[in-house]
Amino acid sequence: MSGPGAPSVPVLEVFSSFQGEGPRVGERQVFVRLARCDLRCAFCDTPESYPTPDTARVQVAPDDEGDEHPANPMPVADLVAAVARLDRPRGLHRAASITGGEPLLHPKAVAALGPALRALGLRVHLETGGHRPGALAQVLDAIDEATPDLKLESACGVPTPWEAHRESYRMLEAARKALAVKAVVAATTPVAEVARAAAFAAAHVPSAPLVLQPLTGKEGAPPPPSAAWLLHLHTAARAEHPDVRVIPQAHKLMGVR
């Protein structure tokens, strides 16, 4: 999408890497990380996405750590061109992941990005906090799959937005576009909370697996769960949900962004 009516959007970074979370872990993807977030989760590993930086960080080639720094906000057409440049040779990446921050703070830009990324031969993956169903409705036709979060209070430090999650999950289920529901868990996460979350996900988006993601150590956040506690949490979740997987942040293990 180009021209005077095309949207622009604040961008943190665009880069090629391996998907480090969820069922597509290890898959090569282009990441379009949009700036700004309306949440302040205690475990957040990208707090630099909260504000809008003056310039974006855009990788110049898929196997090169060099970056360009275009001014924000970036036109969607320039974002698409950056993704196309990274997908060389064409087909190197299976998907483009629109992430953040919270990308659904920018639904018009996401709605414009989706079809343009598909035209490059890429699937469009949306990573979202799962708490903005109104914005999700605006972009649903422009994405191929989504991984919404289930924000557990024990890990996030704020109450779980159950009603917003319910609307988002039902919408994704009806469209058959839920790849997985992700819940970050900590040493502070009680068995009862995980059991409730698993039952909730099974009821409202039964086609998607529930991914329990162990919290990565971060100052000011709850401590990560031990291996023994992860086993307890999985047992509790599995009693309520037919497909529960424990998947850590693999990109951190690999040392890639």
Protein backbone atom coordinates (compact mmCIF):
# COMPACT_ATOMS: atom_id res chain seq x y z
CA MET A 1 0.00 0.00 0.00
CA SER A 2 1.51 3.33 -1.02
CA GLY A 3 0.53 6.87 -1.87
CA PRO A 4 -0.64 9.82 0.22
CA GLY A 5 -3.37 7.82 1.96
CA ALA A 6 -1.11 4.99 3.10
CA PRO A 7 -0.58 4.76 6.86
CA SER A 8 2.69 5.23 8.65
CA VAL A 9 3.53 3.49 11.91
CA PRO A 10 6.12 3.79 14.70
CA VAL A 11 8.65 0.98 14.38
CA LEU A 12 11.21 -0.34 16.83
CA GLU A 13 13.00 -2.81 14.53
CA VAL A 14 12.80 -5.07 11.48
CA PHE A 15 15.08 -8.09 11.37
CA SER A 16 15.53 -11.71 10.26
CA SER A 17 15.82 -14.37 12.93
CA PHE A 18 14.43 -17.63 14.24
CA GLN A 19 11.04 -17.74 15.90
CA GLY A 20 11.85 -18.33 19.54
CA GLU A 21 8.40 -18.87 21.02
CA GLY A 22 5.41 -21.14 20.53
CA PRO A 23 4.69 -24.00 18.12
CA ARG A 24 6.77 -22.55 15.25
CA VAL A 25 9.95 -22.31 17.32
CA GLY A 26 13.05 -22.57 15.15
CA GLU A 27 11.33 -21.35 11.98
CA ARG A 28 13.07 -18.52 10.10
CA GLN A 29 10.87 -15.42 10.10
CA VAL A 30 11.13 -11.71 9.42
CA PHE A 31 10.11 -9.78 12.52
CA VAL A 32 8.38 -6.42 12.24
CA ARG A 33 8.43 -5.06 15.78
CA LEU A 34 6.13 -2.06 16.13
CA ALA A 35 6.71 0.49 18.87
CA ARG A 36 4.44 1.38 21.82
CA CYS A 37 2.64 -0.78 24.34
CA ASP A 38 -0.31 -0.10 26.63
CA LEU A 39 0.74 -2.81 29.12
CA ARG A 40 3.59 -2.93 31.61
CA CYS A 41 4.01 -6.64 32.32
CA ALA A 42 6.57 -7.34 35.03
CA PHE A 43 8.34 -9.92 32.84
CA CYS A 44 8.51 -7.83 29.65
CA ASP A 45 11.80 -8.40 27.80
CA THR A 46 11.35 -5.51 25.36
CA PRO A 47 10.62 -2.41 27.48
CA GLU A 48 12.40 -0.38 24.81
CA SER A 49 9.19 -0.83 22.79
CA TYR A 50 7.15 1.29 25.22
CA PRO A 51 7.96 4.70 23.68
CA THR A 52 8.38 5.68 20.04
CA PRO A 53 12.07 5.99 19.17
CA ASP A 54 13.16 8.79 16.85
CA THR A 55 14.49 6.20 14.40
CA ALA A 56 13.82 2.54 13.69
CA ARG A 57 16.45 -0.20 13.50
CA VAL A 58 16.17 -2.00 10.15
CA GLN A 59 18.51 -4.87 9.26
CA VAL A 60 19.99 -4.46 5.80
CA ALA A 61 20.48 -8.14 4.86
CA PRO A 62 19.34 -11.46 6.36
CA ASP A 63 22.84 -12.67 7.31
CA ASP A 64 24.32 -9.26 8.11
CA GLU A 65 24.11 -7.53 11.51
CA GLY A 66 24.32 -4.10 9.87
CA ASP A 67 21.31 -1.81 10.32
CA GLU A 68 19.80 1.29 8.80
CA HIS A 69 17.98 3.85 10.94
CA PRO A 70 15.04 5.44 9.10
CA ALA A 71 13.00 8.12 10.85
CA ASN A 72 9.77 7.27 12.65
CA PRO A 73 6.99 6.85 11.86
CA MET A 74 7.78 4.66 8.84
CA PRO A 75 5.44 4.44 5.85
CA VAL A 76 3.98 0.96 5.47
CA ALA A 77 5.37 0.83 1.92
CA ASP A 78 8.90 1.29 3.31
CA LEU A 79 8.31 -1.46 5.86
CA VAL A 80 7.21 -3.86 3.14
CA ALA A 81 10.29 -2.99 1.09
CA ALA A 82 12.50 -3.70 4.11
CA VAL A 83 10.89 -7.12 4.58
CA ALA A 84 11.27 -7.93 0.87
CA ARG A 85 14.96 -7.03 1.04
CA LEU A 86 15.48 -9.40 3.97
CA ASP A 87 13.68 -12.32 2.31
CA ARG A 88 16.60 -13.07 -0.01
CA PRO A 89 16.69 -15.55 -1.55
CA ARG A 90 12.94 -15.36 -1.82
CA GLY A 91 11.40 -18.09 0.30
CA LEU A 92 14.15 -18.02 2.94
CA HIS A 93 11.49 -17.12 5.49
CA ARG A 94 8.17 -18.88 5.92
CA ALA A 95 6.42 -16.00 7.62
CA ALA A 96 6.56 -12.41 8.75
CA SER A 97 5.79 -11.88 12.42
CA ILE A 98 4.12 -8.59 13.34
CA THR A 99 4.98 -8.07 16.98
CA GLY A 100 5.73 -5.36 19.51
CA GLY A 101 5.14 -3.75 21.91
CA GLU A 102 1.49 -4.21 21.12
CA PRO A 103 0.87 -4.17 17.35
CA LEU A 104 -2.89 -3.81 17.79
CA LEU A 105 -2.33 -0.23 18.91
CA HIS A 106 -1.87 0.32 15.16
CA PRO A 107 -4.71 -1.64 13.48
CA LYS A 108 -4.79 0.45 10.28
CA ALA A 109 -1.10 -0.16 9.68
CA VAL A 110 -1.40 -3.89 10.44
CA ALA A 111 -4.40 -4.15 8.11
CA ALA A 112 -2.32 -2.55 5.34
CA LEU A 113 0.79 -4.61 6.09
CA GLY A 114 -0.89 -8.01 5.97
CA PRO A 115 -1.91 -8.16 2.29
CA ALA A 116 1.39 -6.62 1.18
CA LEU A 117 3.39 -9.23 3.10
CA ARG A 118 1.24 -12.01 1.65
CA ALA A 119 2.03 -10.66 -1.81
CA LEU A 120 5.69 -11.42 -1.02
CA GLY A 121 4.74 -15.06 -0.44
CA LEU A 122 4.91 -14.82 3.36
CA ARG A 123 2.38 -15.96 5.92
CA VAL A 124 1.38 -13.21 8.33
CA HIS A 125 1.77 -14.04 12.01
CA LEU A 126 0.44 -11.64 14.66
CA GLU A 127 1.80 -11.65 18.21
CA THR A 128 -0.54 -9.81 20.58
CA GLY A 129 -1.36 -9.43 24.24
CA GLY A 130 -4.86 -10.63 23.40
CA HIS A 131 -6.48 -7.72 25.23
CA ARG A 132 -7.66 -5.54 22.32
CA PRO A 133 -10.52 -7.43 20.62
CA GLY A 134 -11.86 -4.34 18.85
CA ALA A 135 -8.56 -3.78 17.08
CA LEU A 136 -8.23 -7.50 16.38
CA ALA A 137 -11.54 -7.40 14.50
CA GLN A 138 -10.07 -4.72 12.22
CA VAL A 139 -7.06 -6.83 11.20
CA LEU A 140 -8.49 -10.35 11.21
CA ASP A 141 -8.73 -10.59 7.41
CA ALA A 142 -5.15 -9.35 7.02
CA ILE A 143 -3.46 -12.06 9.13
CA ASP A 144 -3.06 -15.80 8.70
CA GLU A 145 -2.45 -16.77 12.33
CA ALA A 146 -2.09 -15.23 15.76
CA THR A 147 -0.56 -16.10 19.09
CA PRO A 148 -2.52 -14.24 21.76
CA ASP A 149 -1.26 -14.12 25.32
CA LEU A 150 -3.11 -15.20 28.41
CA LYS A 151 -1.86 -12.64 30.91
CA LEU A 152 -1.54 -14.42 34.24
CA GLU A 153 -1.58 -12.02 37.19
CA SER A 154 1.10 -14.01 39.02
CA ALA A 155 3.63 -13.31 36.25
CA CYS A 156 2.39 -9.97 34.89
CA GLY A 157 1.74 -8.22 38.17
CA VAL A 158 -1.66 -6.91 37.02
CA PRO A 159 -5.12 -8.54 36.92
CA THR A 160 -5.83 -10.88 34.00
CA PRO A 161 -8.16 -9.24 31.42
CA TRP A 162 -10.50 -12.24 31.22
CA GLU A 163 -13.31 -10.54 29.29
CA ALA A 164 -11.03 -9.07 26.64
CA HIS A 165 -9.27 -12.44 26.27
CA ARG A 166 -12.63 -14.17 25.88
CA GLU A 167 -13.65 -11.90 23.00
CA SER A 168 -10.28 -12.17 21.28
CA TYR A 169 -10.11 -15.96 21.59
CA ARG A 170 -13.63 -16.51 20.31
CA MET A 171 -12.92 -14.31 17.31
CA LEU A 172 -9.72 -16.17 16.45
CA GLU A 173 -11.41 -19.52 16.97
CA ALA A 174 -14.27 -18.63 14.63
CA ALA A 175 -11.75 -17.59 11.97
CA ARG A 176 -9.55 -20.65 12.64
CA LYS A 177 -6.54 -18.37 13.01
CA ALA A 178 -5.32 -19.14 16.53
CA LEU A 179 -1.89 -20.75 16.33
CA ALA A 180 -1.54 -21.06 20.11
CA VAL A 181 -2.38 -19.34 23.37
CA LYS A 182 0.74 -18.38 25.34
CA ALA A 183 0.89 -17.98 29.11
CA VAL A 184 4.11 -16.89 30.81
CA VAL A 185 4.55 -18.70 34.13
CA ALA A 186 6.80 -17.92 37.09
CA ALA A 187 7.82 -19.42 40.39
CA THR A 188 4.96 -17.36 41.84
CA THR A 189 2.33 -18.92 39.54
CA PRO A 190 -0.05 -21.08 41.59
CA VAL A 191 -1.46 -24.36 40.34
CA ALA A 192 -5.04 -23.06 40.66
CA GLU A 193 -4.32 -20.08 38.38
CA VAL A 194 -2.85 -22.31 35.65
CA ALA A 195 -5.77 -24.74 35.93
CA ARG A 196 -8.24 -21.86 35.52
CA ALA A 197 -6.31 -20.48 32.55
CA ALA A 198 -6.15 -23.88 30.85
CA ALA A 199 -9.88 -24.45 31.29
CA PHE A 200 -10.55 -20.94 29.96
CA ALA A 201 -8.41 -21.48 26.85
CA ALA A 202 -9.94 -24.90 26.20
CA ALA A 203 -13.43 -23.42 26.42
CA HIS A 204 -12.89 -20.40 24.16
CA VAL A 205 -10.23 -21.44 21.65
CA PRO A 206 -10.23 -25.27 21.68
CA SER A 207 -8.39 -25.62 18.35
CA ALA A 208 -5.18 -24.07 19.73
CA PRO A 209 -2.57 -25.58 22.04
CA LEU A 210 -1.79 -23.85 25.32
CA VAL A 211 1.90 -22.96 25.60
CA LEU A 212 3.31 -22.46 29.09
CA GLN A 213 6.39 -20.28 28.65
CA PRO A 214 8.78 -20.21 31.62
CA LEU A 215 9.60 -16.66 32.60
CA THR A 216 13.14 -15.63 31.73
CA GLY A 217 15.04 -14.09 34.63
CA LYS A 218 14.69 -10.30 34.73
CA GLU A 219 15.34 -7.73 37.45
CA GLY A 220 12.09 -6.64 39.07
CA ALA A 221 10.13 -9.62 37.76
CA PRO A 222 9.09 -12.74 39.67
CA PRO A 223 11.71 -15.52 39.66
CA PRO A 224 11.56 -18.19 36.93
CA PRO A 225 9.84 -21.47 37.78
CA SER A 226 11.97 -24.44 38.73
CA ALA A 227 11.84 -27.61 36.66
CA ALA A 228 9.88 -29.30 39.43
CA TRP A 229 7.34 -26.47 39.53
CA LEU A 230 6.93 -26.56 35.75
CA LEU A 231 6.00 -30.22 36.04
CA HIS A 232 3.34 -29.36 38.63
CA LEU A 233 1.96 -26.54 36.47
CA HIS A 234 1.84 -28.76 33.39
CA THR A 235 -0.01 -31.48 35.31
CA ALA A 236 -2.61 -28.95 36.47
CA ALA A 237 -3.05 -27.49 33.00
CA ARG A 238 -3.20 -30.89 31.30
CA ALA A 239 -6.13 -31.87 33.51
CA GLU A 240 -8.11 -29.01 31.91
CA HIS A 241 -6.73 -28.79 28.35
CA PRO A 242 -6.01 -31.52 25.78
CA ASP A 243 -2.85 -29.94 24.34
CA VAL A 244 -0.43 -28.25 26.75
CA ARG A 245 3.21 -27.63 25.84
CA VAL A 246 6.09 -26.14 27.82
CA ILE A 247 8.29 -24.11 25.45
CA PRO A 248 11.01 -21.73 26.69
CA GLN A 249 12.25 -18.69 24.79
CA ALA A 250 14.55 -20.53 22.39
CA HIS A 251 15.98 -17.39 20.77
CA LYS A 252 17.55 -16.47 24.11
CA LEU A 253 19.16 -19.90 24.31
CA MET A 254 20.51 -19.42 20.77
CA GLY A 255 21.75 -15.89 21.46
CA VAL A 256 19.84 -14.29 18.59
CA ARG A 257 17.47 -11.35 18.67
